[in-house]
Amino acid sequence: MTMAPFVTDPELTRPVFARLRTWRDRWEREFGIGLPQLSMGMSNDYPVAIEEGATWVRLGTALFGSRPKWRPQIEERWEP
């Protein structure tokens, strides 16, 4: 699993995804094991991740929209 840096141009994430695929392929050969899943890509870059071999992508924002901006909550103390 990998997450590429968040950038406005998804094409800039390609080297990150290609590197993970290369490592996965190497580990399969060297250790004689099957690693069929590649979890990489999020809503902003998933097409590039799929082109680079992703089998799992995370699409939260694409499906549910942006999250509200996080604001710290002030913890209230409860005293009996």
PDB file of N, CA and C in Angstrom:
ATOM      1  N   MET A   1       0.853  -1.179   0.000  1.00  0.00           N
ATOM      2  CA  MET A   1       0.000   0.000   0.000  1.00  0.00           C
ATOM      3  C   MET A   1       0.892   1.234   0.000  1.00  0.00           C
ATOM      4  N   THR A   2       0.474   2.214  -0.788  1.00  0.00           N
ATOM      5  CA  THR A   2       1.174   3.490  -0.763  1.00  0.00           C
ATOM      6  C   THR A   2       0.191   4.618  -1.010  1.00  0.00           C
ATOM      7  N   MET A   3       0.560   5.762  -0.526  1.00  0.00           N
ATOM      8  CA  MET A   3      -0.174   6.986  -0.804  1.00  0.00           C
ATOM      9  C   MET A   3       0.830   7.967  -1.383  1.00  0.00           C
ATOM     10  N   ALA A   4       0.537   8.461  -2.560  1.00  0.00           N
ATOM     11  CA  ALA A   4       1.415   9.441  -3.191  1.00  0.00           C
ATOM     12  C   ALA A   4       1.160  10.817  -2.576  1.00  0.00           C
ATOM     13  N   PRO A   5       2.101  11.723  -2.711  1.00  0.00           N
ATOM     14  CA  PRO A   5       1.866  13.091  -2.235  1.00  0.00           C
ATOM     15  C   PRO A   5       0.645  13.687  -2.933  1.00  0.00           C
ATOM     16  N   PHE A   6      -0.082  14.529  -2.226  1.00  0.00           N
ATOM     17  CA  PHE A   6      -1.243  15.196  -2.816  1.00  0.00           C
ATOM     18  C   PHE A   6      -0.741  16.344  -3.689  1.00  0.00           C
ATOM     19  N   VAL A   7      -0.995  16.231  -4.986  1.00  0.00           N
ATOM     20  CA  VAL A   7      -0.566  17.256  -5.940  1.00  0.00           C
ATOM     21  C   VAL A   7      -1.721  17.573  -6.873  1.00  0.00           C
ATOM     22  N   THR A   8      -1.677  18.746  -7.496  1.00  0.00           N
ATOM     23  CA  THR A   8      -2.762  19.126  -8.397  1.00  0.00           C
ATOM     24  C   THR A   8      -2.696  18.385  -9.725  1.00  0.00           C
ATOM     25  N   ASP A   9      -1.508  17.966 -10.139  1.00  0.00           N
ATOM     26  CA  ASP A   9      -1.353  17.214 -11.386  1.00  0.00           C
ATOM     27  C   ASP A   9      -1.154  15.741 -11.058  1.00  0.00           C
ATOM     28  N   PRO A  10      -2.188  14.905 -11.248  1.00  0.00           N
ATOM     29  CA  PRO A  10      -2.083  13.490 -10.890  1.00  0.00           C
ATOM     30  C   PRO A  10      -0.931  12.771 -11.597  1.00  0.00           C
ATOM     31  N   GLU A  11      -0.529  13.250 -12.745  1.00  0.00           N
ATOM     32  CA  GLU A  11       0.557  12.609 -13.477  1.00  0.00           C
ATOM     33  C   GLU A  11       1.860  12.604 -12.659  1.00  0.00           C
ATOM     34  N   LEU A  12       2.002  13.548 -11.754  1.00  0.00           N
ATOM     35  CA  LEU A  12       3.201  13.611 -10.922  1.00  0.00           C
ATOM     36  C   LEU A  12       3.272  12.463  -9.917  1.00  0.00           C
ATOM     37  N   THR A  13       2.164  11.749  -9.728  1.00  0.00           N
ATOM     38  CA  THR A  13       2.161  10.620  -8.804  1.00  0.00           C
ATOM     39  C   THR A  13       2.636   9.328  -9.464  1.00  0.00           C
ATOM     40  N   ARG A  14       2.720   9.312 -10.771  1.00  0.00           N
ATOM     41  CA  ARG A  14       3.071   8.085 -11.501  1.00  0.00           C
ATOM     42  C   ARG A  14       4.354   7.421 -10.991  1.00  0.00           C
ATOM     43  N   PRO A  15       5.454   8.164 -10.776  1.00  0.00           N
ATOM     44  CA  PRO A  15       6.674   7.492 -10.310  1.00  0.00           C
ATOM     45  C   PRO A  15       6.502   6.782  -8.967  1.00  0.00           C
ATOM     46  N   VAL A  16       5.675   7.315  -8.093  1.00  0.00           N
ATOM     47  CA  VAL A  16       5.443   6.681  -6.792  1.00  0.00           C
ATOM     48  C   VAL A  16       4.759   5.335  -6.995  1.00  0.00           C
ATOM     49  N   PHE A  17       3.727   5.307  -7.818  1.00  0.00           N
ATOM     50  CA  PHE A  17       2.987   4.074  -8.061  1.00  0.00           C
ATOM     51  C   PHE A  17       3.834   3.069  -8.834  1.00  0.00           C
ATOM     52  N   ALA A  18       4.582   3.542  -9.802  1.00  0.00           N
ATOM     53  CA  ALA A  18       5.447   2.648 -10.579  1.00  0.00           C
ATOM     54  C   ALA A  18       6.506   2.015  -9.681  1.00  0.00           C
ATOM     55  N   ARG A  19       7.029   2.779  -8.739  1.00  0.00           N
ATOM     56  CA  ARG A  19       8.056   2.245  -7.829  1.00  0.00           C
ATOM     57  C   ARG A  19       7.490   1.121  -6.968  1.00  0.00           C
ATOM     58  N   LEU A  20       6.275   1.305  -6.446  1.00  0.00           N
ATOM     59  CA  LEU A  20       5.692   0.249  -5.622  1.00  0.00           C
ATOM     60  C   LEU A  20       5.455  -1.004  -6.465  1.00  0.00           C
ATOM     61  N   ARG A  21       4.951  -0.824  -7.687  1.00  0.00           N
ATOM     62  CA  ARG A  21       4.735  -1.983  -8.555  1.00  0.00           C
ATOM     63  C   ARG A  21       6.050  -2.711  -8.825  1.00  0.00           C
ATOM     64  N   THR A  22       7.123  -1.957  -9.070  1.00  0.00           N
ATOM     65  CA  THR A  22       8.432  -2.548  -9.308  1.00  0.00           C
ATOM     66  C   THR A  22       8.907  -3.347  -8.100  1.00  0.00           C
ATOM     67  N   TRP A  23       8.750  -2.770  -6.901  1.00  0.00           N
ATOM     68  CA  TRP A  23       9.134  -3.491  -5.687  1.00  0.00           C
ATOM     69  C   TRP A  23       8.295  -4.747  -5.511  1.00  0.00           C
ATOM     70  N   ARG A  24       6.997  -4.635  -5.733  1.00  0.00           N
ATOM     71  CA  ARG A  24       6.118  -5.823  -5.608  1.00  0.00           C
ATOM     72  C   ARG A  24       6.582  -6.926  -6.549  1.00  0.00           C
ATOM     73  N   ASP A  25       6.861  -6.571  -7.813  1.00  0.00           N
ATOM     74  CA  ASP A  25       7.300  -7.564  -8.788  1.00  0.00           C
ATOM     75  C   ASP A  25       8.618  -8.215  -8.354  1.00  0.00           C
ATOM     76  N   ARG A  26       9.514  -7.400  -7.828  1.00  0.00           N
ATOM     77  CA  ARG A  26      10.805  -7.914  -7.366  1.00  0.00           C
ATOM     78  C   ARG A  26      10.624  -8.890  -6.206  1.00  0.00           C
ATOM     79  N   TRP A  27       9.800  -8.508  -5.233  1.00  0.00           N
ATOM     80  CA  TRP A  27       9.577  -9.375  -4.075  1.00  0.00           C
ATOM     81  C   TRP A  27       8.920 -10.690  -4.496  1.00  0.00           C
ATOM     82  N   GLU A  28       8.006 -10.635  -5.453  1.00  0.00           N
ATOM     83  CA  GLU A  28       7.393 -11.877  -5.928  1.00  0.00           C
ATOM     84  C   GLU A  28       8.457 -12.812  -6.498  1.00  0.00           C
ATOM     85  N   ARG A  29       9.354 -12.264  -7.322  1.00  0.00           N
ATOM     86  CA  ARG A  29      10.416 -13.083  -7.923  1.00  0.00           C
ATOM     87  C   ARG A  29      11.395 -13.593  -6.866  1.00  0.00           C
ATOM     88  N   GLU A  30      11.899 -12.686  -6.041  1.00  0.00           N
ATOM     89  CA  GLU A  30      12.954 -13.050  -5.085  1.00  0.00           C
ATOM     90  C   GLU A  30      12.492 -14.012  -3.996  1.00  0.00           C
ATOM     91  N   PHE A  31      11.259 -13.873  -3.566  1.00  0.00           N
ATOM     92  CA  PHE A  31      10.773 -14.701  -2.468  1.00  0.00           C
ATOM     93  C   PHE A  31       9.829 -15.809  -2.927  1.00  0.00           C
ATOM     94  N   GLY A  32       9.529 -15.840  -4.216  1.00  0.00           N
ATOM     95  CA  GLY A  32       8.669 -16.888  -4.745  1.00  0.00           C
ATOM     96  C   GLY A  32       7.273 -16.879  -4.158  1.00  0.00           C
ATOM     97  N   ILE A  33       6.747 -15.691  -3.924  1.00  0.00           N
ATOM     98  CA  ILE A  33       5.402 -15.572  -3.344  1.00  0.00           C
ATOM     99  C   ILE A  33       4.526 -14.737  -4.273  1.00  0.00           C
ATOM    100  N   GLY A  34       3.242 -14.923  -4.147  1.00  0.00           N
ATOM    101  CA  GLY A  34       2.301 -14.115  -4.910  1.00  0.00           C
ATOM    102  C   GLY A  34       1.819 -12.937  -4.082  1.00  0.00           C
ATOM    103  N   LEU A  35       1.940 -11.778  -4.631  1.00  0.00           N
ATOM    104  CA  LEU A  35       1.425 -10.557  -3.996  1.00  0.00           C
ATOM    105  C   LEU A  35       0.479  -9.905  -5.000  1.00  0.00           C
ATOM    106  N   PRO A  36      -0.740 -10.435  -5.100  1.00  0.00           N
ATOM    107  CA  PRO A  36      -1.634 -10.010  -6.174  1.00  0.00           C
ATOM    108  C   PRO A  36      -2.261  -8.624  -6.002  1.00  0.00           C
ATOM    109  N   GLN A  37      -2.222  -8.081  -4.798  1.00  0.00           N
ATOM    110  CA  GLN A  37      -2.894  -6.806  -4.567  1.00  0.00           C
ATOM    111  C   GLN A  37      -1.904  -5.652  -4.507  1.00  0.00           C
ATOM    112  N   LEU A  38      -2.293  -4.561  -5.119  1.00  0.00           N
ATOM    113  CA  LEU A  38      -1.549  -3.308  -5.010  1.00  0.00           C
ATOM    114  C   LEU A  38      -2.544  -2.237  -4.596  1.00  0.00           C
ATOM    115  N   SER A  39      -2.452  -1.783  -3.375  1.00  0.00           N
ATOM    116  CA  SER A  39      -3.342  -0.756  -2.857  1.00  0.00           C
ATOM    117  C   SER A  39      -2.649   0.593  -3.005  1.00  0.00           C
ATOM    118  N   MET A  40      -3.104   1.358  -3.965  1.00  0.00           N
ATOM    119  CA  MET A  40      -2.508   2.670  -4.205  1.00  0.00           C
ATOM    120  C   MET A  40      -3.487   3.503  -5.008  1.00  0.00           C
ATOM    121  N   GLY A  41      -3.477   4.801  -4.749  1.00  0.00           N
ATOM    122  CA  GLY A  41      -4.359   5.713  -5.447  1.00  0.00           C
ATOM    123  C   GLY A  41      -5.519   6.154  -4.578  1.00  0.00           C
ATOM    124  N   MET A  42      -5.827   7.438  -4.692  1.00  0.00           N
ATOM    125  CA  MET A  42      -6.955   8.013  -3.975  1.00  0.00           C
ATOM    126  C   MET A  42      -7.798   8.804  -4.974  1.00  0.00           C
ATOM    127  N   SER A  43      -8.808   9.472  -4.503  1.00  0.00           N
ATOM    128  CA  SER A  43      -9.758  10.144  -5.390  1.00  0.00           C
ATOM    129  C   SER A  43      -9.099  11.060  -6.417  1.00  0.00           C
ATOM    130  N   ASN A  44      -8.023  11.736  -6.036  1.00  0.00           N
ATOM    131  CA  ASN A  44      -7.427  12.706  -6.949  1.00  0.00           C
ATOM    132  C   ASN A  44      -6.457  12.081  -7.955  1.00  0.00           C
ATOM    133  N   ASP A  45      -6.023  10.834  -7.736  1.00  0.00           N
ATOM    134  CA  ASP A  45      -5.006  10.267  -8.624  1.00  0.00           C
ATOM    135  C   ASP A  45      -5.274   8.808  -9.015  1.00  0.00           C
ATOM    136  N   TYR A  46      -6.469   8.297  -8.747  1.00  0.00           N
ATOM    137  CA  TYR A  46      -6.717   6.877  -8.984  1.00  0.00           C
ATOM    138  C   TYR A  46      -6.578   6.435 -10.444  1.00  0.00           C
ATOM    139  N   PRO A  47      -6.909   7.276 -11.457  1.00  0.00           N
ATOM    140  CA  PRO A  47      -6.710   6.783 -12.828  1.00  0.00           C
ATOM    141  C   PRO A  47      -5.245   6.437 -13.114  1.00  0.00           C
ATOM    142  N   VAL A  48      -4.333   7.265 -12.621  1.00  0.00           N
ATOM    143  CA  VAL A  48      -2.899   6.991 -12.817  1.00  0.00           C
ATOM    144  C   VAL A  48      -2.521   5.724 -12.056  1.00  0.00           C
ATOM    145  N   ALA A  49      -3.011   5.568 -10.844  1.00  0.00           N
ATOM    146  CA  ALA A  49      -2.704   4.379 -10.043  1.00  0.00           C
ATOM    147  C   ALA A  49      -3.181   3.114 -10.755  1.00  0.00           C
ATOM    148  N   ILE A  50      -4.371   3.158 -11.331  1.00  0.00           N
ATOM    149  CA  ILE A  50      -4.893   1.994 -12.056  1.00  0.00           C
ATOM    150  C   ILE A  50      -4.010   1.687 -13.265  1.00  0.00           C
ATOM    151  N   GLU A  51      -3.600   2.715 -13.979  1.00  0.00           N
ATOM    152  CA  GLU A  51      -2.703   2.503 -15.122  1.00  0.00           C
ATOM    153  C   GLU A  51      -1.392   1.851 -14.679  1.00  0.00           C
ATOM    154  N   GLU A  52      -0.969   2.122 -13.455  1.00  0.00           N
ATOM    155  CA  GLU A  52       0.278   1.562 -12.941  1.00  0.00           C
ATOM    156  C   GLU A  52       0.072   0.233 -12.210  1.00  0.00           C
ATOM    157  N   GLY A  53      -1.146  -0.295 -12.227  1.00  0.00           N
ATOM    158  CA  GLY A  53      -1.380  -1.640 -11.705  1.00  0.00           C
ATOM    159  C   GLY A  53      -2.163  -1.746 -10.416  1.00  0.00           C
ATOM    160  N   ALA A  54      -2.741  -0.669  -9.936  1.00  0.00           N
ATOM    161  CA  ALA A  54      -3.503  -0.731  -8.683  1.00  0.00           C
ATOM    162  C   ALA A  54      -4.663  -1.710  -8.803  1.00  0.00           C
ATOM    163  N   THR A  55      -4.858  -2.483  -7.750  1.00  0.00           N
ATOM    164  CA  THR A  55      -6.017  -3.368  -7.669  1.00  0.00           C
ATOM    165  C   THR A  55      -6.993  -2.901  -6.597  1.00  0.00           C
ATOM    166  N   TRP A  56      -6.536  -1.998  -5.737  1.00  0.00           N
ATOM    167  CA  TRP A  56      -7.374  -1.383  -4.706  1.00  0.00           C
ATOM    168  C   TRP A  56      -7.122   0.120  -4.748  1.00  0.00           C
ATOM    169  N   VAL A  57      -8.185   0.903  -4.717  1.00  0.00           N
ATOM    170  CA  VAL A  57      -8.053   2.363  -4.646  1.00  0.00           C
ATOM    171  C   VAL A  57      -8.980   2.880  -3.553  1.00  0.00           C
ATOM    172  N   ARG A  58      -8.664   4.044  -3.020  1.00  0.00           N
ATOM    173  CA  ARG A  58      -9.477   4.663  -1.975  1.00  0.00           C
ATOM    174  C   ARG A  58     -10.168   5.889  -2.579  1.00  0.00           C
ATOM    175  N   LEU A  59     -11.486   5.857  -2.604  1.00  0.00           N
ATOM    176  CA  LEU A  59     -12.243   6.888  -3.313  1.00  0.00           C
ATOM    177  C   LEU A  59     -13.213   7.647  -2.412  1.00  0.00           C
ATOM    178  N   GLY A  60     -12.854   7.886  -1.191  1.00  0.00           N
ATOM    179  CA  GLY A  60     -13.768   8.548  -0.258  1.00  0.00           C
ATOM    180  C   GLY A  60     -14.281   9.886  -0.744  1.00  0.00           C
ATOM    181  N   THR A  61     -13.395  10.792  -1.120  1.00  0.00           N
ATOM    182  CA  THR A  61     -13.817  12.123  -1.560  1.00  0.00           C
ATOM    183  C   THR A  61     -14.642  12.041  -2.845  1.00  0.00           C
ATOM    184  N   ALA A  62     -14.249  11.175  -3.753  1.00  0.00           N
ATOM    185  CA  ALA A  62     -14.994  11.028  -5.012  1.00  0.00           C
ATOM    186  C   ALA A  62     -16.420  10.549  -4.766  1.00  0.00           C
ATOM    187  N   LEU A  63     -16.605   9.721  -3.748  1.00  0.00           N
ATOM    188  CA  LEU A  63     -17.931   9.180  -3.456  1.00  0.00           C
ATOM    189  C   LEU A  63     -18.746  10.046  -2.503  1.00  0.00           C
ATOM    190  N   PHE A  64     -18.090  10.605  -1.494  1.00  0.00           N
ATOM    191  CA  PHE A  64     -18.808  11.289  -0.420  1.00  0.00           C
ATOM    192  C   PHE A  64     -18.588  12.797  -0.363  1.00  0.00           C
ATOM    193  N   GLY A  65     -17.704  13.316  -1.203  1.00  0.00           N
ATOM    194  CA  GLY A  65     -17.415  14.747  -1.186  1.00  0.00           C
ATOM    195  C   GLY A  65     -16.330  15.081  -0.176  1.00  0.00           C
ATOM    196  N   SER A  66     -15.967  16.332  -0.174  1.00  0.00           N
ATOM    197  CA  SER A  66     -14.903  16.789   0.723  1.00  0.00           C
ATOM    198  C   SER A  66     -15.370  16.771   2.166  1.00  0.00           C
ATOM    199  N   ARG A  67     -14.426  16.564   3.044  1.00  0.00           N
ATOM    200  CA  ARG A  67     -14.723  16.625   4.476  1.00  0.00           C
ATOM    201  C   ARG A  67     -14.793  18.080   4.904  1.00  0.00           C
ATOM    202  N   PRO A  68     -15.580  18.351   5.933  1.00  0.00           N
ATOM    203  CA  PRO A  68     -15.546  19.710   6.462  1.00  0.00           C
ATOM    204  C   PRO A  68     -14.172  19.995   7.070  1.00  0.00           C
ATOM    205  N   LYS A  69     -13.792  21.246   7.049  1.00  0.00           N
ATOM    206  CA  LYS A  69     -12.506  21.619   7.617  1.00  0.00           C
ATOM    207  C   LYS A  69     -12.490  21.250   9.099  1.00  0.00           C
ATOM    208  N   TRP A  70     -11.401  20.625   9.515  1.00  0.00           N
ATOM    209  CA  TRP A  70     -11.274  20.185  10.895  1.00  0.00           C
ATOM    210  C   TRP A  70     -11.042  21.368  11.810  1.00  0.00           C
ATOM    211  N   ARG A  71     -11.759  21.388  12.892  1.00  0.00           N
ATOM    212  CA  ARG A  71     -11.574  22.420  13.911  1.00  0.00           C
ATOM    213  C   ARG A  71     -11.442  21.724  15.251  1.00  0.00           C
ATOM    214  N   PRO A  72     -10.408  22.039  15.993  1.00  0.00           N
ATOM    215  CA  PRO A  72     -10.236  21.366  17.283  1.00  0.00           C
ATOM    216  C   PRO A  72     -11.406  21.661  18.213  1.00  0.00           C
ATOM    217  N   GLN A  73     -11.802  20.664  18.930  1.00  0.00           N
ATOM    218  CA  GLN A  73     -12.891  20.825  19.888  1.00  0.00           C
ATOM    219  C   GLN A  73     -12.297  21.177  21.245  1.00  0.00           C
ATOM    220  N   ILE A  74     -12.942  22.089  21.909  1.00  0.00           N
ATOM    221  CA  ILE A  74     -12.523  22.434  23.263  1.00  0.00           C
ATOM    222  C   ILE A  74     -13.174  21.436  24.199  1.00  0.00           C
ATOM    223  N   GLU A  75     -12.345  20.729  24.909  1.00  0.00           N
ATOM    224  CA  GLU A  75     -12.856  19.710  25.808  1.00  0.00           C
ATOM    225  C   GLU A  75     -13.407  20.373  27.064  1.00  0.00           C
ATOM    226  N   GLU A  76     -14.652  20.084  27.327  1.00  0.00           N
ATOM    227  CA  GLU A  76     -15.267  20.614  28.540  1.00  0.00           C
ATOM    228  C   GLU A  76     -15.036  19.632  29.676  1.00  0.00           C
ATOM    229  N   ARG A  77     -14.691  20.150  30.811  1.00  0.00           N
ATOM    230  CA  ARG A  77     -14.478  19.299  31.961  1.00  0.00           C
ATOM    231  C   ARG A  77     -15.798  19.085  32.688  1.00  0.00           C
ATOM    232  N   TRP A  78     -15.989  17.878  33.065  1.00  0.00           N
ATOM    233  CA  TRP A  78     -17.187  17.556  33.849  1.00  0.00           C
ATOM    234  C   TRP A  78     -16.756  17.362  35.284  1.00  0.00           C
ATOM    235  N   GLU A  79     -17.375  18.069  36.155  1.00  0.00           N
ATOM    236  CA  GLU A  79     -17.068  17.913  37.565  1.00  0.00           C
ATOM    237  C   GLU A  79     -18.358  17.620  38.309  1.00  0.00           C
ATOM    238  N   PRO A  80     -18.324  16.614  39.167  1.00  0.00           N
ATOM    239  CA  PRO A  80     -19.561  16.264  39.908  1.00  0.00           C
ATOM    240  C   PRO A  80     -19.910  17.288  40.960  1.00  0.00           C
TER     241      PRO A  80
END
